[in-house]
Amino acid sequence: MPRITADTLAQHRENRLRALLDAGREIVAEEGADALTLAALARRVGLSRPSLYEYFRSREELVAAIVGDELPQWARKLADAVHAAEGVPAKVEAFLRTELAIIADGSHGAVVALSAHALPESAREQIRAEHEKLLAPLAAVLIEARVPQPGLRALLIHGSVEAAARTLRPGDPAQYEAVVAALLDQVLHGLGARPA
């Protein structure tokens, strides 16, 4: 019988699931999306394949779980950043900085790579729904600023953030700040944002 490492069986399972998801992300970050298999994950965490099947019946389930776990965390970070700022320009800046940080931290690339793999339609639908939530805080700011087509504009800003992230040089904070300043200026000028 496996050793329980928490006060309750439910906590033990939750802790184990968290460890499995974290280990899966590590495999993708270190070796690429194709390296993520149930066998590789079992080896990484020291579980037998049958024990691993208690959590995931297939690689597709594992991929969907990793992606589905990450997106809500990003959505909370973005919403918290926007909520903590005062005024439309500051809220837009908070969103841009937070989204850039998410994209630059490495886990974003792993999730994008995993999302590109063949997944059941139900998993793809869940991922699409969670991804839309990422832009909700920005869309709300644009509504507050009376920007026309806030959903579309939020999507276009998101594309600009992704493009800006590709220009970042790791370990160069001055360049990072210059990219943020240019992005913020472009977004606010292009939106014609009105004072709140």
Protein backbone atom coordinates (compact mmCIF):
# COMPACT_ATOMS: atom_id res chain seq x y z
CA MET A 1 0.00 0.00 0.00
CA PRO A 2 1.41 3.43 -0.93
CA ARG A 3 2.52 5.67 1.89
CA ILE A 4 0.16 8.59 2.58
CA THR A 5 2.14 11.84 2.90
CA ALA A 6 -0.63 14.18 4.09
CA ASP A 7 -3.25 14.40 6.83
CA THR A 8 -5.99 13.04 4.59
CA LEU A 9 -6.17 10.86 1.51
CA ALA A 10 -7.72 13.75 -0.43
CA GLN A 11 -4.81 16.04 0.49
CA HIS A 12 -2.36 13.29 -0.43
CA ARG A 13 -3.95 12.90 -3.87
CA GLU A 14 -4.02 16.68 -4.39
CA ASN A 15 -0.34 16.96 -3.43
CA ARG A 16 0.57 14.08 -5.71
CA LEU A 17 -1.41 15.59 -8.60
CA ARG A 18 0.36 18.94 -8.08
CA ALA A 19 3.74 17.15 -8.13
CA LEU A 20 2.78 15.30 -11.32
CA LEU A 21 1.69 18.49 -13.09
CA ASP A 22 4.86 20.30 -12.00
CA ALA A 23 7.04 17.39 -13.13
CA GLY A 24 5.23 17.32 -16.48
CA ARG A 25 5.92 21.01 -17.02
CA GLU A 26 9.58 20.45 -16.11
CA ILE A 27 9.89 17.67 -18.70
CA VAL A 28 8.46 19.94 -21.41
CA ALA A 29 10.65 22.90 -20.38
CA GLU A 30 13.81 20.77 -20.30
CA GLU A 31 13.25 18.33 -23.17
CA GLY A 32 10.37 19.62 -25.30
CA ALA A 33 6.73 18.69 -25.68
CA ASP A 34 7.42 15.40 -27.47
CA ALA A 35 9.36 14.14 -24.45
CA LEU A 36 6.25 14.28 -22.26
CA THR A 37 4.97 10.73 -22.01
CA LEU A 38 3.37 8.81 -19.19
CA ALA A 39 6.48 6.63 -18.96
CA ALA A 40 8.76 9.70 -18.71
CA LEU A 41 6.52 11.24 -16.07
CA ALA A 42 6.41 8.01 -14.06
CA ARG A 43 10.22 7.82 -14.12
CA ARG A 44 10.55 11.49 -13.15
CA VAL A 45 8.35 11.19 -10.06
CA GLY A 46 9.21 7.61 -9.14
CA LEU A 47 5.72 6.17 -9.61
CA SER A 48 4.76 2.96 -11.29
CA ARG A 49 2.75 3.27 -14.50
CA PRO A 50 -0.32 1.67 -12.86
CA SER A 51 -0.16 4.26 -10.05
CA LEU A 52 0.13 7.03 -12.62
CA TYR A 53 -2.99 5.71 -14.41
CA GLU A 54 -4.97 6.62 -11.27
CA TYR A 55 -4.38 10.26 -12.30
CA PHE A 56 -4.12 10.16 -16.10
CA ARG A 57 -5.32 7.44 -18.46
CA SER A 58 -3.50 8.86 -21.48
CA ARG A 59 -0.91 11.39 -22.57
CA GLU A 60 -3.74 13.54 -23.93
CA GLU A 61 -5.35 13.65 -20.47
CA LEU A 62 -2.00 14.63 -18.96
CA VAL A 63 -1.48 17.40 -21.52
CA ALA A 64 -5.01 18.73 -21.00
CA ALA A 65 -4.49 18.70 -17.21
CA ILE A 66 -1.22 20.64 -17.42
CA VAL A 67 -2.65 23.26 -19.77
CA GLY A 68 -5.91 23.45 -17.81
CA ASP A 69 -3.98 23.94 -14.57
CA GLU A 70 -1.77 26.74 -15.86
CA LEU A 71 -4.32 28.98 -17.58
CA PRO A 72 -6.47 29.76 -14.50
CA GLN A 73 -3.33 30.72 -12.55
CA TRP A 74 -2.39 33.17 -15.30
CA ALA A 75 -5.93 34.55 -15.37
CA ARG A 76 -5.76 35.24 -11.61
CA LYS A 77 -2.39 36.99 -11.94
CA LEU A 78 -3.68 39.22 -14.72
CA ALA A 79 -6.93 40.05 -12.91
CA ASP A 80 -5.08 40.79 -9.65
CA ALA A 81 -2.59 43.08 -11.43
CA VAL A 82 -5.33 45.06 -13.17
CA HIS A 83 -7.43 45.27 -10.00
CA ALA A 84 -4.50 46.67 -7.99
CA ALA A 85 -3.88 49.55 -10.43
CA GLU A 86 -5.69 52.91 -10.48
CA GLY A 87 -6.84 54.53 -13.73
CA VAL A 88 -6.98 53.22 -17.27
CA PRO A 89 -3.33 53.80 -18.30
CA ALA A 90 -2.04 52.18 -15.10
CA LYS A 91 -4.40 49.22 -15.50
CA VAL A 92 -3.31 48.70 -19.10
CA GLU A 93 0.33 48.90 -18.03
CA ALA A 94 -0.28 46.40 -15.21
CA PHE A 95 -1.88 43.98 -17.68
CA LEU A 96 0.95 44.37 -20.22
CA ARG A 97 3.71 43.93 -17.64
CA THR A 98 2.02 40.90 -16.10
CA GLU A 99 1.34 39.24 -19.43
CA LEU A 100 4.93 39.88 -20.56
CA ALA A 101 6.21 38.32 -17.32
CA ILE A 102 4.00 35.26 -17.86
CA ILE A 103 5.21 34.85 -21.44
CA ALA A 104 8.86 35.39 -20.49
CA ASP A 105 8.95 32.97 -17.54
CA GLY A 106 9.22 29.81 -19.63
CA SER A 107 6.05 28.01 -18.62
CA HIS A 108 4.09 29.87 -21.30
CA GLY A 109 6.16 28.29 -24.06
CA ALA A 110 5.62 24.84 -22.59
CA VAL A 111 1.86 25.35 -22.44
CA VAL A 112 1.75 26.67 -26.01
CA ALA A 113 3.80 23.69 -27.21
CA LEU A 114 1.53 21.26 -25.38
CA SER A 115 -1.63 22.94 -26.68
CA ALA A 116 -0.45 22.33 -30.24
CA HIS A 117 -0.59 18.56 -29.75
CA ALA A 118 -3.57 16.47 -30.74
CA LEU A 119 -6.11 16.72 -27.95
CA PRO A 120 -9.72 15.61 -27.75
CA GLU A 121 -12.21 18.31 -28.76
CA SER A 122 -13.52 18.54 -25.19
CA ALA A 123 -10.03 19.40 -23.95
CA ARG A 124 -9.54 21.95 -26.74
CA GLU A 125 -12.86 23.58 -25.86
CA GLN A 126 -11.86 23.84 -22.20
CA ILE A 127 -8.51 25.38 -23.18
CA ARG A 128 -10.22 27.91 -25.48
CA ALA A 129 -12.62 28.91 -22.70
CA GLU A 130 -9.79 29.35 -20.19
CA HIS A 131 -7.71 31.30 -22.72
CA GLU A 132 -10.57 33.76 -23.27
CA LYS A 133 -10.59 34.45 -19.53
CA LEU A 134 -7.01 35.70 -19.79
CA LEU A 135 -8.13 38.73 -21.78
CA ALA A 136 -11.22 39.50 -19.66
CA PRO A 137 -9.46 41.95 -17.28
CA LEU A 138 -8.06 43.93 -20.20
CA ALA A 139 -11.40 43.92 -22.01
CA ALA A 140 -13.03 45.28 -18.84
CA VAL A 141 -10.51 48.15 -18.75
CA LEU A 142 -11.22 48.94 -22.39
CA ILE A 143 -14.96 48.96 -21.69
CA GLU A 144 -14.30 51.34 -18.79
CA ALA A 145 -12.33 53.57 -21.18
CA ARG A 146 -15.16 53.41 -23.74
CA VAL A 147 -12.86 51.90 -26.36
CA PRO A 148 -14.88 50.53 -29.29
CA GLN A 149 -14.83 46.75 -29.82
CA PRO A 150 -13.12 45.99 -26.51
CA GLY A 151 -12.96 42.22 -27.06
CA LEU A 152 -11.29 42.59 -30.44
CA ARG A 153 -8.97 45.31 -29.17
CA ALA A 154 -7.96 43.13 -26.20
CA LEU A 155 -7.11 40.31 -28.62
CA LEU A 156 -5.04 42.67 -30.78
CA ILE A 157 -3.19 43.98 -27.71
CA HIS A 158 -2.51 40.40 -26.68
CA GLY A 159 -0.92 39.83 -30.10
CA SER A 160 1.24 42.90 -29.59
CA VAL A 161 2.38 41.61 -26.21
CA GLU A 162 3.32 38.26 -27.74
CA ALA A 163 5.27 40.07 -30.48
CA ALA A 164 7.00 42.25 -27.87
CA ALA A 165 7.93 39.17 -25.84
CA ARG A 166 9.82 37.76 -28.84
CA THR A 167 12.10 40.82 -28.79
CA LEU A 168 13.10 40.47 -25.13
CA ARG A 169 16.70 39.63 -24.32
CA PRO A 170 17.06 37.61 -21.11
CA GLY A 171 19.05 39.40 -18.43
CA ASP A 172 18.70 42.85 -20.03
CA PRO A 173 16.40 44.88 -17.74
CA ALA A 174 17.01 48.15 -19.60
CA GLN A 175 15.89 46.58 -22.88
CA TYR A 176 12.89 45.02 -21.09
CA GLU A 177 11.80 48.44 -19.81
CA ALA A 178 12.29 49.99 -23.25
CA VAL A 179 10.07 47.28 -24.78
CA VAL A 180 7.41 47.84 -22.10
CA ALA A 181 7.49 51.62 -22.65
CA ALA A 182 7.20 51.28 -26.44
CA LEU A 183 4.42 48.71 -26.13
CA LEU A 184 2.48 50.80 -23.63
CA ASP A 185 2.85 53.95 -25.75
CA GLN A 186 1.71 52.09 -28.86
CA VAL A 187 -1.26 50.46 -27.15
CA LEU A 188 -2.52 53.62 -25.45
CA HIS A 189 -1.97 55.82 -28.51
CA GLY A 190 -3.51 53.32 -30.90
CA LEU A 191 -6.54 52.88 -28.67
CA GLY A 192 -7.21 56.56 -28.29
CA ALA A 193 -7.95 55.77 -24.64
CA ARG A 194 -10.03 58.42 -22.88
CA PRO A 195 -9.27 59.43 -19.28
CA ALA A 196 -11.24 57.43 -16.71
